[in-house]
Amino acid sequence: MSQETINIEIAGRSYPLTVSIEEVDGIINAAAEIDKMIAKLKSQFAVQDRNDLLAMTALQLSLRIKEIEANGRDKSAPAPSSENKEKDLKLAASVEDLLQRLTSVVEG
């Protein structure tokens, strides 16, 4: 499996990550999604602390993942199209992976 080093930027901070070629697009998209969520939180609330913004974004993403998982198990909920469900699951997996990688970089 071929690896590539990419730099992603979240909340104005750059993070170098070594990922497989297959993961590049998913991770770049997940980072962009996280950055959009942070910007939205920053504009909606008087929160400026990067750690607070990252924590609230992580909470929102975790809730979204739980919702997606619950919809997969809840047969009474309206079923999303298989294309949207697949997209959501891929995004959720990319976001979870990215959060784990960022945590290891920050703690590293």
PDB file of N, CA and C in Angstrom:
ATOM      1  N   MET A   1       0.854  -1.172   0.000  1.00  0.00           N
ATOM      2  CA  MET A   1       0.000   0.000   0.000  1.00  0.00           C
ATOM      3  C   MET A   1       0.899   1.234   0.000  1.00  0.00           C
ATOM      4  N   SER A   2       0.722   2.081  -0.996  1.00  0.00           N
ATOM      5  CA  SER A   2       1.531   3.281  -1.143  1.00  0.00           C
ATOM      6  C   SER A   2       1.051   4.362  -0.187  1.00  0.00           C
ATOM      7  N   GLN A   3       2.012   5.090   0.390  1.00  0.00           N
ATOM      8  CA  GLN A   3       1.687   6.135   1.366  1.00  0.00           C
ATOM      9  C   GLN A   3       2.078   7.497   0.817  1.00  0.00           C
ATOM     10  N   GLU A   4       1.392   8.512   1.324  1.00  0.00           N
ATOM     11  CA  GLU A   4       1.666   9.880   0.908  1.00  0.00           C
ATOM     12  C   GLU A   4       1.567  10.779   2.143  1.00  0.00           C
ATOM     13  N   THR A   5       2.432  11.779   2.223  1.00  0.00           N
ATOM     14  CA  THR A   5       2.348  12.752   3.309  1.00  0.00           C
ATOM     15  C   THR A   5       1.598  13.962   2.796  1.00  0.00           C
ATOM     16  N   ILE A   6       0.557  14.333   3.536  1.00  0.00           N
ATOM     17  CA  ILE A   6      -0.239  15.502   3.167  1.00  0.00           C
ATOM     18  C   ILE A   6      -0.268  16.456   4.355  1.00  0.00           C
ATOM     19  N   ASN A   7      -0.501  17.708   4.071  1.00  0.00           N
ATOM     20  CA  ASN A   7      -0.697  18.702   5.121  1.00  0.00           C
ATOM     21  C   ASN A   7      -2.139  19.147   5.044  1.00  0.00           C
ATOM     22  N   ILE A   8      -2.818  19.032   6.173  1.00  0.00           N
ATOM     23  CA  ILE A   8      -4.173  19.551   6.229  1.00  0.00           C
ATOM     24  C   ILE A   8      -4.180  20.708   7.210  1.00  0.00           C
ATOM     25  N   GLU A   9      -5.107  21.620   7.012  1.00  0.00           N
ATOM     26  CA  GLU A   9      -5.210  22.764   7.901  1.00  0.00           C
ATOM     27  C   GLU A   9      -6.586  22.770   8.541  1.00  0.00           C
ATOM     28  N   ILE A  10      -6.574  22.849   9.864  1.00  0.00           N
ATOM     29  CA  ILE A  10      -7.810  22.925  10.628  1.00  0.00           C
ATOM     30  C   ILE A  10      -7.653  24.038  11.646  1.00  0.00           C
ATOM     31  N   ALA A  11      -8.598  24.945  11.663  1.00  0.00           N
ATOM     32  CA  ALA A  11      -8.603  26.068  12.603  1.00  0.00           C
ATOM     33  C   ALA A  11      -7.295  26.852  12.550  1.00  0.00           C
ATOM     34  N   GLY A  12      -6.782  27.043  11.339  1.00  0.00           N
ATOM     35  CA  GLY A  12      -5.578  27.841  11.165  1.00  0.00           C
ATOM     36  C   GLY A  12      -4.284  27.153  11.544  1.00  0.00           C
ATOM     37  N   ARG A  13      -4.345  25.864  11.797  1.00  0.00           N
ATOM     38  CA  ARG A  13      -3.145  25.125  12.192  1.00  0.00           C
ATOM     39  C   ARG A  13      -2.907  23.986  11.218  1.00  0.00           C
ATOM     40  N   SER A  14      -1.666  23.794  10.832  1.00  0.00           N
ATOM     41  CA  SER A  14      -1.321  22.778   9.852  1.00  0.00           C
ATOM     42  C   SER A  14      -0.930  21.476  10.547  1.00  0.00           C
ATOM     43  N   TYR A  15      -1.399  20.363   9.980  1.00  0.00           N
ATOM     44  CA  TYR A  15      -1.103  19.040  10.518  1.00  0.00           C
ATOM     45  C   TYR A  15      -0.579  18.149   9.394  1.00  0.00           C
ATOM     46  N   PRO A  16       0.671  17.701   9.491  1.00  0.00           N
ATOM     47  CA  PRO A  16       1.177  16.761   8.493  1.00  0.00           C
ATOM     48  C   PRO A  16       0.721  15.345   8.853  1.00  0.00           C
ATOM     49  N   LEU A  17       0.191  14.646   7.876  1.00  0.00           N
ATOM     50  CA  LEU A  17      -0.271  13.273   8.091  1.00  0.00           C
ATOM     51  C   LEU A  17       0.267  12.375   6.991  1.00  0.00           C
ATOM     52  N   THR A  18       0.660  11.175   7.352  1.00  0.00           N
ATOM     53  CA  THR A  18       1.046  10.169   6.372  1.00  0.00           C
ATOM     54  C   THR A  18      -0.122   9.212   6.228  1.00  0.00           C
ATOM     55  N   VAL A  19      -0.652   9.130   5.022  1.00  0.00           N
ATOM     56  CA  VAL A  19      -1.858   8.345   4.768  1.00  0.00           C
ATOM     57  C   VAL A  19      -1.665   7.517   3.499  1.00  0.00           C
ATOM     58  N   SER A  20      -2.515   6.501   3.353  1.00  0.00           N
ATOM     59  CA  SER A  20      -2.473   5.734   2.111  1.00  0.00           C
ATOM     60  C   SER A  20      -3.070   6.584   0.995  1.00  0.00           C
ATOM     61  N   ILE A  21      -2.683   6.295  -0.218  1.00  0.00           N
ATOM     62  CA  ILE A  21      -3.177   7.034  -1.390  1.00  0.00           C
ATOM     63  C   ILE A  21      -4.708   7.003  -1.418  1.00  0.00           C
ATOM     64  N   GLU A  22      -5.292   5.871  -1.034  1.00  0.00           N
ATOM     65  CA  GLU A  22      -6.747   5.721  -1.063  1.00  0.00           C
ATOM     66  C   GLU A  22      -7.440   6.630  -0.056  1.00  0.00           C
ATOM     67  N   GLU A  23      -6.756   7.023   1.010  1.00  0.00           N
ATOM     68  CA  GLU A  23      -7.358   7.836   2.067  1.00  0.00           C
ATOM     69  C   GLU A  23      -7.278   9.344   1.811  1.00  0.00           C
ATOM     70  N   VAL A  24      -6.432   9.766   0.893  1.00  0.00           N
ATOM     71  CA  VAL A  24      -6.140  11.194   0.716  1.00  0.00           C
ATOM     72  C   VAL A  24      -7.404  12.026   0.541  1.00  0.00           C
ATOM     73  N   ASP A  25      -8.237  11.691  -0.427  1.00  0.00           N
ATOM     74  CA  ASP A  25      -9.430  12.504  -0.701  1.00  0.00           C
ATOM     75  C   ASP A  25     -10.369  12.534   0.498  1.00  0.00           C
ATOM     76  N   GLY A  26     -10.583  11.395   1.131  1.00  0.00           N
ATOM     77  CA  GLY A  26     -11.480  11.334   2.285  1.00  0.00           C
ATOM     78  C   GLY A  26     -10.990  12.193   3.433  1.00  0.00           C
ATOM     79  N   ILE A  27      -9.696  12.168   3.686  1.00  0.00           N
ATOM     80  CA  ILE A  27      -9.140  12.941   4.790  1.00  0.00           C
ATOM     81  C   ILE A  27      -9.176  14.437   4.472  1.00  0.00           C
ATOM     82  N   ILE A  28      -8.864  14.805   3.246  1.00  0.00           N
ATOM     83  CA  ILE A  28      -8.939  16.214   2.851  1.00  0.00           C
ATOM     84  C   ILE A  28     -10.377  16.717   2.986  1.00  0.00           C
ATOM     85  N   ASN A  29     -11.348  15.909   2.542  1.00  0.00           N
ATOM     86  CA  ASN A  29     -12.754  16.291   2.661  1.00  0.00           C
ATOM     87  C   ASN A  29     -13.186  16.389   4.116  1.00  0.00           C
ATOM     88  N   ALA A  30     -12.738  15.445   4.942  1.00  0.00           N
ATOM     89  CA  ALA A  30     -13.091  15.471   6.364  1.00  0.00           C
ATOM     90  C   ALA A  30     -12.502  16.705   7.041  1.00  0.00           C
ATOM     91  N   ALA A  31     -11.264  17.040   6.715  1.00  0.00           N
ATOM     92  CA  ALA A  31     -10.625  18.229   7.293  1.00  0.00           C
ATOM     93  C   ALA A  31     -11.381  19.495   6.885  1.00  0.00           C
ATOM     94  N   ALA A  32     -11.803  19.556   5.635  1.00  0.00           N
ATOM     95  CA  ALA A  32     -12.565  20.718   5.161  1.00  0.00           C
ATOM     96  C   ALA A  32     -13.897  20.811   5.892  1.00  0.00           C
ATOM     97  N   GLU A  33     -14.541  19.674   6.118  1.00  0.00           N
ATOM     98  CA  GLU A  33     -15.810  19.646   6.847  1.00  0.00           C
ATOM     99  C   GLU A  33     -15.615  20.132   8.284  1.00  0.00           C
ATOM    100  N   ILE A  34     -14.563  19.674   8.927  1.00  0.00           N
ATOM    101  CA  ILE A  34     -14.263  20.098  10.295  1.00  0.00           C
ATOM    102  C   ILE A  34     -14.008  21.603  10.330  1.00  0.00           C
ATOM    103  N   ASP A  35     -13.224  22.086   9.393  1.00  0.00           N
ATOM    104  CA  ASP A  35     -12.906  23.513   9.349  1.00  0.00           C
ATOM    105  C   ASP A  35     -14.169  24.356   9.140  1.00  0.00           C
ATOM    106  N   LYS A  36     -15.094  23.886   8.293  1.00  0.00           N
ATOM    107  CA  LYS A  36     -16.360  24.599   8.083  1.00  0.00           C
ATOM    108  C   LYS A  36     -17.180  24.638   9.364  1.00  0.00           C
ATOM    109  N   MET A  37     -17.204  23.514  10.075  1.00  0.00           N
ATOM    110  CA  MET A  37     -17.972  23.454  11.321  1.00  0.00           C
ATOM    111  C   MET A  37     -17.383  24.399  12.368  1.00  0.00           C
ATOM    112  N   ILE A  38     -16.072  24.452  12.442  1.00  0.00           N
ATOM    113  CA  ILE A  38     -15.407  25.357  13.387  1.00  0.00           C
ATOM    114  C   ILE A  38     -15.740  26.802  13.045  1.00  0.00           C
ATOM    115  N   ALA A  39     -15.660  27.149  11.765  1.00  0.00           N
ATOM    116  CA  ALA A  39     -15.969  28.515  11.336  1.00  0.00           C
ATOM    117  C   ALA A  39     -17.422  28.877  11.664  1.00  0.00           C
ATOM    118  N   LYS A  40     -18.324  27.930  11.473  1.00  0.00           N
ATOM    119  CA  LYS A  40     -19.734  28.179  11.773  1.00  0.00           C
ATOM    120  C   LYS A  40     -19.921  28.408  13.271  1.00  0.00           C
ATOM    121  N   LEU A  41     -19.315  27.565  14.103  1.00  0.00           N
ATOM    122  CA  LEU A  41     -19.415  27.738  15.554  1.00  0.00           C
ATOM    123  C   LEU A  41     -18.840  29.087  15.983  1.00  0.00           C
ATOM    124  N   LYS A  42     -17.702  29.427  15.394  1.00  0.00           N
ATOM    125  CA  LYS A  42     -17.031  30.684  15.737  1.00  0.00           C
ATOM    126  C   LYS A  42     -17.914  31.883  15.394  1.00  0.00           C
ATOM    127  N   SER A  43     -18.623  31.804  14.275  1.00  0.00           N
ATOM    128  CA  SER A  43     -19.474  32.926  13.879  1.00  0.00           C
ATOM    129  C   SER A  43     -20.780  32.976  14.679  1.00  0.00           C
ATOM    130  N   GLN A  44     -21.248  31.840  15.164  1.00  0.00           N
ATOM    131  CA  GLN A  44     -22.518  31.794  15.884  1.00  0.00           C
ATOM    132  C   GLN A  44     -22.375  32.142  17.362  1.00  0.00           C
ATOM    133  N   PHE A  45     -21.219  31.856  17.919  1.00  0.00           N
ATOM    134  CA  PHE A  45     -21.026  32.037  19.355  1.00  0.00           C
ATOM    135  C   PHE A  45     -19.796  32.896  19.614  1.00  0.00           C
ATOM    136  N   ALA A  46     -19.691  33.393  20.816  1.00  0.00           N
ATOM    137  CA  ALA A  46     -18.564  34.258  21.167  1.00  0.00           C
ATOM    138  C   ALA A  46     -17.364  33.437  21.641  1.00  0.00           C
ATOM    139  N   VAL A  47     -17.196  32.268  21.080  1.00  0.00           N
ATOM    140  CA  VAL A  47     -16.097  31.381  21.468  1.00  0.00           C
ATOM    141  C   VAL A  47     -14.931  31.617  20.522  1.00  0.00           C
ATOM    142  N   GLN A  48     -13.763  31.890  21.070  1.00  0.00           N
ATOM    143  CA  GLN A  48     -12.582  32.111  20.249  1.00  0.00           C
ATOM    144  C   GLN A  48     -11.488  31.087  20.531  1.00  0.00           C
ATOM    145  N   ASP A  49     -11.573  30.412  21.688  1.00  0.00           N
ATOM    146  CA  ASP A  49     -10.546  29.460  22.082  1.00  0.00           C
ATOM    147  C   ASP A  49     -10.566  28.245  21.139  1.00  0.00           C
ATOM    148  N   ARG A  50      -9.429  27.969  20.538  1.00  0.00           N
ATOM    149  CA  ARG A  50      -9.315  26.882  19.571  1.00  0.00           C
ATOM    150  C   ARG A  50      -9.699  25.537  20.176  1.00  0.00           C
ATOM    151  N   ASN A  51      -9.270  25.273  21.403  1.00  0.00           N
ATOM    152  CA  ASN A  51      -9.596  23.995  22.038  1.00  0.00           C
ATOM    153  C   ASN A  51     -11.097  23.847  22.252  1.00  0.00           C
ATOM    154  N   ASP A  52     -11.761  24.931  22.669  1.00  0.00           N
ATOM    155  CA  ASP A  52     -13.209  24.879  22.847  1.00  0.00           C
ATOM    156  C   ASP A  52     -13.905  24.617  21.512  1.00  0.00           C
ATOM    157  N   LEU A  53     -13.456  25.298  20.465  1.00  0.00           N
ATOM    158  CA  LEU A  53     -14.046  25.105  19.141  1.00  0.00           C
ATOM    159  C   LEU A  53     -13.834  23.669  18.648  1.00  0.00           C
ATOM    160  N   LEU A  54     -12.635  23.139  18.850  1.00  0.00           N
ATOM    161  CA  LEU A  54     -12.358  21.762  18.438  1.00  0.00           C
ATOM    162  C   LEU A  54     -13.192  20.771  19.243  1.00  0.00           C
ATOM    163  N   ALA A  55     -13.333  21.008  20.543  1.00  0.00           N
ATOM    164  CA  ALA A  55     -14.126  20.111  21.387  1.00  0.00           C
ATOM    165  C   ALA A  55     -15.592  20.110  20.963  1.00  0.00           C
ATOM    166  N   MET A  56     -16.145  21.283  20.700  1.00  0.00           N
ATOM    167  CA  MET A  56     -17.542  21.362  20.291  1.00  0.00           C
ATOM    168  C   MET A  56     -17.756  20.754  18.903  1.00  0.00           C
ATOM    169  N   THR A  57     -16.785  20.926  18.035  1.00  0.00           N
ATOM    170  CA  THR A  57     -16.871  20.315  16.705  1.00  0.00           C
ATOM    171  C   THR A  57     -16.805  18.794  16.824  1.00  0.00           C
ATOM    172  N   ALA A  58     -15.902  18.298  17.653  1.00  0.00           N
ATOM    173  CA  ALA A  58     -15.801  16.846  17.867  1.00  0.00           C
ATOM    174  C   ALA A  58     -17.114  16.298  18.424  1.00  0.00           C
ATOM    175  N   LEU A  59     -17.734  17.042  19.333  1.00  0.00           N
ATOM    176  CA  LEU A  59     -19.011  16.615  19.899  1.00  0.00           C
ATOM    177  C   LEU A  59     -20.082  16.553  18.811  1.00  0.00           C
ATOM    178  N   GLN A  60     -20.154  17.569  17.976  1.00  0.00           N
ATOM    179  CA  GLN A  60     -21.150  17.576  16.893  1.00  0.00           C
ATOM    180  C   GLN A  60     -20.928  16.412  15.928  1.00  0.00           C
ATOM    181  N   LEU A  61     -19.669  16.166  15.578  1.00  0.00           N
ATOM    182  CA  LEU A  61     -19.371  15.069  14.656  1.00  0.00           C
ATOM    183  C   LEU A  61     -19.697  13.720  15.283  1.00  0.00           C
ATOM    184  N   SER A  62     -19.415  13.577  16.551  1.00  0.00           N
ATOM    185  CA  SER A  62     -19.723  12.332  17.248  1.00  0.00           C
ATOM    186  C   SER A  62     -21.238  12.103  17.274  1.00  0.00           C
ATOM    187  N   LEU A  63     -21.994  13.164  17.524  1.00  0.00           N
ATOM    188  CA  LEU A  63     -23.451  13.048  17.511  1.00  0.00           C
ATOM    189  C   LEU A  63     -23.965  12.672  16.122  1.00  0.00           C
ATOM    190  N   ARG A  64     -23.359  13.243  15.100  1.00  0.00           N
ATOM    191  CA  ARG A  64     -23.756  12.920  13.719  1.00  0.00           C
ATOM    192  C   ARG A  64     -23.476  11.450  13.408  1.00  0.00           C
ATOM    193  N   ILE A  65     -22.326  10.954  13.858  1.00  0.00           N
ATOM    194  CA  ILE A  65     -21.976   9.551  13.636  1.00  0.00           C
ATOM    195  C   ILE A  65     -22.970   8.643  14.357  1.00  0.00           C
ATOM    196  N   LYS A  66     -23.294   8.985  15.609  1.00  0.00           N
ATOM    197  CA  LYS A  66     -24.262   8.183  16.372  1.00  0.00           C
ATOM    198  C   LYS A  66     -25.625   8.180  15.684  1.00  0.00           C
ATOM    199  N   GLU A  67     -26.021   9.328  15.145  1.00  0.00           N
ATOM    200  CA  GLU A  67     -27.291   9.424  14.434  1.00  0.00           C
ATOM    201  C   GLU A  67     -27.288   8.539  13.188  1.00  0.00           C
ATOM    202  N   ILE A  68     -26.195   8.567  12.456  1.00  0.00           N
ATOM    203  CA  ILE A  68     -26.079   7.734  11.253  1.00  0.00           C
ATOM    204  C   ILE A  68     -26.142   6.266  11.634  1.00  0.00           C
ATOM    205  N   GLU A  69     -25.426   5.894  12.693  1.00  0.00           N
ATOM    206  CA  GLU A  69     -25.440   4.500  13.145  1.00  0.00           C
ATOM    207  C   GLU A  69     -26.835   4.091  13.598  1.00  0.00           C
ATOM    208  N   ALA A  70     -27.525   4.969  14.327  1.00  0.00           N
ATOM    209  CA  ALA A  70     -28.872   4.666  14.812  1.00  0.00           C
ATOM    210  C   ALA A  70     -29.842   4.520  13.647  1.00  0.00           C
ATOM    211  N   ASN A  71     -29.721   5.365  12.639  1.00  0.00           N
ATOM    212  CA  ASN A  71     -30.590   5.259  11.466  1.00  0.00           C
ATOM    213  C   ASN A  71     -30.367   3.955  10.727  1.00  0.00           C
ATOM    214  N   GLY A  72     -29.153   3.449  10.793  1.00  0.00           N
ATOM    215  CA  GLY A  72     -28.857   2.163  10.166  1.00  0.00           C
ATOM    216  C   GLY A  72     -29.531   1.012  10.885  1.00  0.00           C
ATOM    217  N   ARG A  73     -29.774   1.186  12.198  1.00  0.00           N
ATOM    218  CA  ARG A  73     -30.406   0.136  12.996  1.00  0.00           C
ATOM    219  C   ARG A  73     -31.905   0.337  13.134  1.00  0.00           C
ATOM    220  N   ASP A  74     -32.383   1.586  13.047  1.00  0.00           N
ATOM    221  CA  ASP A  74     -33.793   1.911  13.274  1.00  0.00           C
ATOM    222  C   ASP A  74     -34.577   1.719  11.978  1.00  0.00           C
ATOM    223  N   LYS A  75     -35.363   0.670  11.925  1.00  0.00           N
ATOM    224  CA  LYS A  75     -36.106   0.358  10.696  1.00  0.00           C
ATOM    225  C   LYS A  75     -37.319   1.267  10.513  1.00  0.00           C
ATOM    226  N   SER A  76     -37.772   1.957  11.580  1.00  0.00           N
ATOM    227  CA  SER A  76     -38.929   2.840  11.446  1.00  0.00           C
ATOM    228  C   SER A  76     -38.550   4.223  10.908  1.00  0.00           C
ATOM    229  N   ALA A  77     -37.264   4.555  10.975  1.00  0.00           N
ATOM    230  CA  ALA A  77     -36.806   5.848  10.458  1.00  0.00           C
ATOM    231  C   ALA A  77     -36.827   5.810   8.941  1.00  0.00           C
ATOM    232  N   PRO A  78     -37.112   6.969   8.318  1.00  0.00           N
ATOM    233  CA  PRO A  78     -37.082   6.984   6.853  1.00  0.00           C
ATOM    234  C   PRO A  78     -35.685   6.605   6.365  1.00  0.00           C
ATOM    235  N   ALA A  79     -35.636   5.700   5.450  1.00  0.00           N
ATOM    236  CA  ALA A  79     -34.347   5.203   4.970  1.00  0.00           C
ATOM    237  C   ALA A  79     -33.714   6.211   4.017  1.00  0.00           C
ATOM    238  N   PRO A  80     -32.464   6.611   4.314  1.00  0.00           N
ATOM    239  CA  PRO A  80     -31.774   7.480   3.355  1.00  0.00           C
ATOM    240  C   PRO A  80     -31.453   6.669   2.108  1.00  0.00           C
ATOM    241  N   SER A  81     -31.262   7.358   1.010  1.00  0.00           N
ATOM    242  CA  SER A  81     -30.894   6.632  -0.201  1.00  0.00           C
ATOM    243  C   SER A  81     -29.576   5.917   0.053  1.00  0.00           C
ATOM    244  N   SER A  82     -29.374   4.812  -0.628  1.00  0.00           N
ATOM    245  CA  SER A  82     -28.151   4.033  -0.398  1.00  0.00           C
ATOM    246  C   SER A  82     -26.911   4.849  -0.754  1.00  0.00           C
ATOM    247  N   GLU A  83     -27.046   5.739  -1.750  1.00  0.00           N
ATOM    248  CA  GLU A  83     -25.907   6.586  -2.121  1.00  0.00           C
ATOM    249  C   GLU A  83     -25.577   7.569  -0.997  1.00  0.00           C
ATOM    250  N   ASN A  84     -26.596   8.222  -0.428  1.00  0.00           N
ATOM    251  CA  ASN A  84     -26.375   9.154   0.681  1.00  0.00           C
ATOM    252  C   ASN A  84     -25.874   8.436   1.914  1.00  0.00           C
ATOM    253  N   LYS A  85     -26.424   7.266   2.200  1.00  0.00           N
ATOM    254  CA  LYS A  85     -25.993   6.502   3.372  1.00  0.00           C
ATOM    255  C   LYS A  85     -24.520   6.114   3.222  1.00  0.00           C
ATOM    256  N   GLU A  86     -24.152   5.662   2.040  1.00  0.00           N
ATOM    257  CA  GLU A  86     -22.757   5.287   1.801  1.00  0.00           C
ATOM    258  C   GLU A  86     -21.838   6.495   1.948  1.00  0.00           C
ATOM    259  N   LYS A  87     -22.270   7.644   1.421  1.00  0.00           N
ATOM    260  CA  LYS A  87     -21.489   8.880   1.551  1.00  0.00           C
ATOM    261  C   LYS A  87     -21.335   9.276   3.012  1.00  0.00           C
ATOM    262  N   ASP A  88     -22.446   9.224   3.755  1.00  0.00           N
ATOM    263  CA  ASP A  88     -22.418   9.574   5.175  1.00  0.00           C
ATOM    264  C   ASP A  88     -21.488   8.646   5.957  1.00  0.00           C
ATOM    265  N   LEU A  89     -21.573   7.366   5.672  1.00  0.00           N
ATOM    266  CA  LEU A  89     -20.721   6.409   6.388  1.00  0.00           C
ATOM    267  C   LEU A  89     -19.246   6.629   6.059  1.00  0.00           C
ATOM    268  N   LYS A  90     -18.942   6.918   4.793  1.00  0.00           N
ATOM    269  CA  LYS A  90     -17.553   7.193   4.417  1.00  0.00           C
ATOM    270  C   LYS A  90     -17.048   8.458   5.095  1.00  0.00           C
ATOM    271  N   LEU A  91     -17.881   9.504   5.108  1.00  0.00           N
ATOM    272  CA  LEU A  91     -17.491  10.747   5.755  1.00  0.00           C
ATOM    273  C   LEU A  91     -17.303  10.526   7.254  1.00  0.00           C
ATOM    274  N   ALA A  92     -18.213   9.794   7.861  1.00  0.00           N
ATOM    275  CA  ALA A  92     -18.110   9.527   9.296  1.00  0.00           C
ATOM    276  C   ALA A  92     -16.829   8.759   9.606  1.00  0.00           C
ATOM    277  N   ALA A  93     -16.518   7.762   8.794  1.00  0.00           N
ATOM    278  CA  ALA A  93     -15.296   6.990   9.012  1.00  0.00           C
ATOM    279  C   ALA A  93     -14.061   7.860   8.817  1.00  0.00           C
ATOM    280  N   SER A  94     -14.075   8.714   7.805  1.00  0.00           N
ATOM    281  CA  SER A  94     -12.940   9.612   7.562  1.00  0.00           C
ATOM    282  C   SER A  94     -12.767  10.594   8.699  1.00  0.00           C
ATOM    283  N   VAL A  95     -13.881  11.121   9.196  1.00  0.00           N
ATOM    284  CA  VAL A  95     -13.814  12.080  10.299  1.00  0.00           C
ATOM    285  C   VAL A  95     -13.282  11.409  11.558  1.00  0.00           C
ATOM    286  N   GLU A  96     -13.791  10.216  11.858  1.00  0.00           N
ATOM    287  CA  GLU A  96     -13.304   9.486  13.036  1.00  0.00           C
ATOM    288  C   GLU A  96     -11.805   9.215  12.919  1.00  0.00           C
ATOM    289  N   ASP A  97     -11.376   8.757  11.747  1.00  0.00           N
ATOM    290  CA  ASP A  97      -9.961   8.473  11.527  1.00  0.00           C
ATOM    291  C   ASP A  97      -9.129   9.744  11.664  1.00  0.00           C
ATOM    292  N   LEU A  98      -9.609  10.818  11.092  1.00  0.00           N
ATOM    293  CA  LEU A  98      -8.888  12.090  11.162  1.00  0.00           C
ATOM    294  C   LEU A  98      -8.780  12.586  12.598  1.00  0.00           C
ATOM    295  N   LEU A  99      -9.862  12.488  13.348  1.00  0.00           N
ATOM    296  CA  LEU A  99      -9.817  12.908  14.748  1.00  0.00           C
ATOM    297  C   LEU A  99      -8.807  12.095  15.541  1.00  0.00           C
ATOM    298  N   GLN A 100      -8.742  10.785  15.286  1.00  0.00           N
ATOM    299  CA  GLN A 100      -7.757   9.945  15.966  1.00  0.00           C
ATOM    300  C   GLN A 100      -6.336  10.353  15.582  1.00  0.00           C
ATOM    301  N   ARG A 101      -6.114  10.614  14.303  1.00  0.00           N
ATOM    302  CA  ARG A 101      -4.787  11.022  13.841  1.00  0.00           C
ATOM    303  C   ARG A 101      -4.390  12.371  14.443  1.00  0.00           C
ATOM    304  N   LEU A 102      -5.337  13.312  14.464  1.00  0.00           N
ATOM    305  CA  LEU A 102      -5.038  14.622  15.040  1.00  0.00           C
ATOM    306  C   LEU A 102      -4.735  14.519  16.528  1.00  0.00           C
ATOM    307  N   THR A 103      -5.475  13.690  17.211  1.00  0.00           N
ATOM    308  CA  THR A 103      -5.221  13.493  18.639  1.00  0.00           C
ATOM    309  C   THR A 103      -3.812  12.969  18.866  1.00  0.00           C
ATOM    310  N   SER A 104      -3.388  12.007  18.040  1.00  0.00           N
ATOM    311  CA  SER A 104      -2.034  11.468  18.210  1.00  0.00           C
ATOM    312  C   SER A 104      -0.974  12.491  17.866  1.00  0.00           C
ATOM    313  N   VAL A 105      -1.239  13.370  16.878  1.00  0.00           N
ATOM    314  CA  VAL A 105      -0.276  14.427  16.526  1.00  0.00           C
ATOM    315  C   VAL A 105      -0.176  15.444  17.670  1.00  0.00           C
ATOM    316  N   VAL A 106      -1.342  15.842  18.192  1.00  0.00           N
ATOM    317  CA  VAL A 106      -1.366  16.860  19.256  1.00  0.00           C
ATOM    318  C   VAL A 106      -0.737  16.311  20.534  1.00  0.00           C
ATOM    319  N   GLU A 107      -1.026  15.063  20.874  1.00  0.00           N
ATOM    320  CA  GLU A 107      -0.486  14.464  22.088  1.00  0.00           C
ATOM    321  C   GLU A 107       0.956  14.011  21.910  1.00  0.00           C
ATOM    322  N   GLY A 108       1.325  13.769  20.649  1.00  0.00           N
ATOM    323  CA  GLY A 108       2.579  13.187  20.253  1.00  0.00           C
ATOM    324  C   GLY A 108       3.790  13.746  20.761  1.00  0.00           C
TER     325      GLY A 108
END
